């Protein structure tokens, strides 16, 4: 990666770290309600991931 693009990426990540609400992040052992993730990446073949049942993380 070109140094100027890497700097942009590092700066963007730092903003996310500095402004994130860590209390709202799912942790191991948490149970969450059903939800849908939208793929914003380049893989057009799988635009959505659905979790239709309650999910428990960290097991």
N, C-alpha and C. Protein backbone atom coordinates (compact mmCIF):
# COMPACT_ATOMS: atom_id res chain seq x y z
N UNK A 1 0.85 -1.17 0.00
CA UNK A 1 0.00 0.00 0.00
C UNK A 1 0.90 1.24 0.00
N UNK A 2 0.51 2.21 -0.78
CA UNK A 2 1.28 3.45 -0.86
C UNK A 2 1.26 4.17 0.49
N UNK A 3 2.36 4.79 0.88
CA UNK A 3 2.43 5.44 2.19
C UNK A 3 1.33 6.47 2.44
N UNK A 4 0.95 7.24 1.42
CA UNK A 4 -0.11 8.24 1.63
C UNK A 4 -1.46 7.58 1.88
N UNK A 5 -1.74 6.47 1.19
CA UNK A 5 -2.99 5.75 1.42
C UNK A 5 -2.98 5.05 2.77
N UNK A 6 -1.84 4.54 3.16
CA UNK A 6 -1.72 3.91 4.47
C UNK A 6 -1.97 4.93 5.58
N UNK A 7 -1.46 6.13 5.43
CA UNK A 7 -1.67 7.19 6.42
C UNK A 7 -3.16 7.52 6.54
N UNK A 8 -3.85 7.60 5.42
CA UNK A 8 -5.30 7.86 5.43
C UNK A 8 -6.00 6.75 6.21
N UNK A 9 -5.64 5.50 5.94
CA UNK A 9 -6.24 4.36 6.62
C UNK A 9 -5.97 4.40 8.12
N UNK A 10 -4.74 4.68 8.50
CA UNK A 10 -4.37 4.75 9.92
C UNK A 10 -5.16 5.86 10.61
N UNK A 11 -5.27 7.01 9.96
CA UNK A 11 -6.02 8.12 10.54
C UNK A 11 -7.50 7.78 10.69
N UNK A 12 -8.09 7.12 9.69
CA UNK A 12 -9.49 6.72 9.77
C UNK A 12 -9.72 5.74 10.92
N UNK A 13 -8.83 4.79 11.07
CA UNK A 13 -8.95 3.82 12.16
C UNK A 13 -8.83 4.50 13.52
N UNK A 14 -7.94 5.48 13.62
CA UNK A 14 -7.77 6.19 14.88
C UNK A 14 -9.04 6.95 15.26
N UNK A 15 -9.69 7.56 14.27
CA UNK A 15 -10.96 8.25 14.54
C UNK A 15 -11.99 7.26 15.05
N UNK A 16 -12.06 6.08 14.46
CA UNK A 16 -13.01 5.06 14.92
C UNK A 16 -12.71 4.63 16.35
N UNK A 17 -11.45 4.43 16.67
CA UNK A 17 -11.06 4.04 18.03
C UNK A 17 -11.41 5.15 19.02
N UNK A 18 -11.09 6.38 18.66
CA UNK A 18 -11.31 7.51 19.56
C UNK A 18 -12.78 7.82 19.81
N UNK A 19 -13.64 7.53 18.83
CA UNK A 19 -15.05 7.92 18.94
C UNK A 19 -15.98 6.74 19.21
N UNK A 20 -15.45 5.55 19.31
CA UNK A 20 -16.33 4.38 19.51
C UNK A 20 -16.86 4.30 20.94
N UNK A 21 -18.04 3.72 21.07
CA UNK A 21 -18.65 3.47 22.37
C UNK A 21 -18.40 2.01 22.70
N UNK A 22 -17.35 1.73 23.46
CA UNK A 22 -16.98 0.35 23.76
C UNK A 22 -18.05 -0.37 24.59
N UNK A 23 -18.87 0.38 25.31
CA UNK A 23 -19.93 -0.23 26.10
C UNK A 23 -21.01 -0.86 25.24
N UNK A 24 -21.11 -0.44 23.98
CA UNK A 24 -22.13 -0.96 23.08
C UNK A 24 -21.67 -2.11 22.21
N UNK A 25 -20.45 -2.59 22.42
CA UNK A 25 -19.89 -3.66 21.60
C UNK A 25 -20.28 -5.01 22.19
N UNK A 26 -20.69 -5.95 21.32
CA UNK A 26 -21.04 -7.29 21.77
C UNK A 26 -19.79 -7.98 22.30
N UNK A 27 -19.93 -8.59 23.47
CA UNK A 27 -18.81 -9.27 24.10
C UNK A 27 -19.10 -10.77 24.23
N UNK A 28 -18.09 -11.56 24.48
CA UNK A 28 -18.26 -13.00 24.68
C UNK A 28 -19.28 -13.22 25.79
N UNK A 29 -20.25 -14.09 25.52
CA UNK A 29 -21.28 -14.41 26.50
C UNK A 29 -22.55 -13.60 26.34
N UNK A 30 -22.52 -12.50 25.54
CA UNK A 30 -23.72 -11.68 25.31
C UNK A 30 -24.70 -12.43 24.42
N UNK A 31 -25.98 -12.20 24.64
CA UNK A 31 -27.04 -12.72 23.77
C UNK A 31 -27.67 -11.53 23.08
N UNK A 32 -27.82 -11.61 21.76
CA UNK A 32 -28.38 -10.50 21.00
C UNK A 32 -29.60 -10.95 20.22
N UNK A 33 -30.47 -10.01 19.93
CA UNK A 33 -31.67 -10.28 19.14
C UNK A 33 -31.29 -10.49 17.67
N UNK A 34 -32.20 -11.07 16.88
CA UNK A 34 -31.93 -11.27 15.45
C UNK A 34 -31.56 -9.95 14.76
N UNK A 35 -30.68 -10.03 13.78
CA UNK A 35 -30.26 -8.85 13.04
C UNK A 35 -29.77 -9.24 11.67
N UNK A 36 -29.55 -8.23 10.83
CA UNK A 36 -29.08 -8.45 9.46
C UNK A 36 -27.87 -7.55 9.24
N UNK A 37 -26.82 -8.11 8.65
CA UNK A 37 -25.63 -7.35 8.29
C UNK A 37 -25.64 -7.10 6.79
N UNK A 38 -25.32 -5.90 6.41
CA UNK A 38 -25.22 -5.56 4.99
C UNK A 38 -23.74 -5.56 4.62
N UNK A 39 -23.39 -6.30 3.58
CA UNK A 39 -22.01 -6.36 3.11
C UNK A 39 -21.72 -5.11 2.30
N UNK A 40 -20.81 -4.29 2.78
CA UNK A 40 -20.44 -3.07 2.05
C UNK A 40 -19.11 -3.24 1.35
N UNK A 41 -18.60 -4.45 1.35
CA UNK A 41 -17.33 -4.72 0.70
C UNK A 41 -17.50 -4.96 -0.78
N UNK A 42 -16.53 -5.64 -1.36
CA UNK A 42 -16.51 -5.85 -2.81
C UNK A 42 -17.16 -7.17 -3.24
N UNK A 43 -17.53 -8.03 -2.29
CA UNK A 43 -18.08 -9.33 -2.66
C UNK A 43 -19.57 -9.20 -2.91
N UNK A 44 -19.97 -9.01 -4.16
CA UNK A 44 -21.36 -8.81 -4.53
C UNK A 44 -22.19 -10.09 -4.42
N UNK A 45 -21.54 -11.25 -4.27
CA UNK A 45 -22.27 -12.52 -4.24
C UNK A 45 -23.00 -12.75 -2.92
N UNK A 46 -22.57 -12.10 -1.86
CA UNK A 46 -23.25 -12.31 -0.57
C UNK A 46 -23.56 -10.95 0.07
N UNK A 47 -24.60 -10.27 -0.45
CA UNK A 47 -24.86 -8.91 0.03
C UNK A 47 -25.40 -8.83 1.46
N UNK A 48 -25.96 -9.92 1.99
CA UNK A 48 -26.53 -9.85 3.33
C UNK A 48 -26.22 -11.13 4.10
N UNK A 49 -26.08 -10.98 5.39
CA UNK A 49 -25.96 -12.12 6.29
C UNK A 49 -27.09 -11.97 7.29
N UNK A 50 -27.95 -12.96 7.38
CA UNK A 50 -29.09 -12.88 8.30
C UNK A 50 -28.87 -13.80 9.49
N UNK A 51 -29.22 -13.31 10.65
CA UNK A 51 -29.24 -14.11 11.86
C UNK A 51 -30.69 -14.14 12.32
N UNK A 52 -31.38 -15.23 12.02
CA UNK A 52 -32.81 -15.28 12.25
C UNK A 52 -33.18 -15.78 13.64
N UNK A 53 -32.22 -16.28 14.38
CA UNK A 53 -32.48 -16.72 15.74
C UNK A 53 -31.58 -15.94 16.68
N UNK A 54 -31.95 -15.94 17.95
CA UNK A 54 -31.08 -15.27 18.92
C UNK A 54 -29.71 -15.94 18.89
N UNK A 55 -28.69 -15.14 18.95
CA UNK A 55 -27.33 -15.65 18.87
C UNK A 55 -26.60 -15.41 20.18
N UNK A 56 -25.81 -16.39 20.59
CA UNK A 56 -24.97 -16.23 21.77
C UNK A 56 -23.53 -16.32 21.33
N UNK A 57 -22.74 -15.34 21.69
CA UNK A 57 -21.36 -15.25 21.23
C UNK A 57 -20.40 -15.74 22.29
N UNK A 58 -19.27 -16.23 21.84
CA UNK A 58 -18.20 -16.60 22.74
C UNK A 58 -18.30 -18.00 23.29
N UNK A 59 -19.11 -18.83 22.67
CA UNK A 59 -19.24 -20.21 23.15
C UNK A 59 -18.32 -21.12 22.38
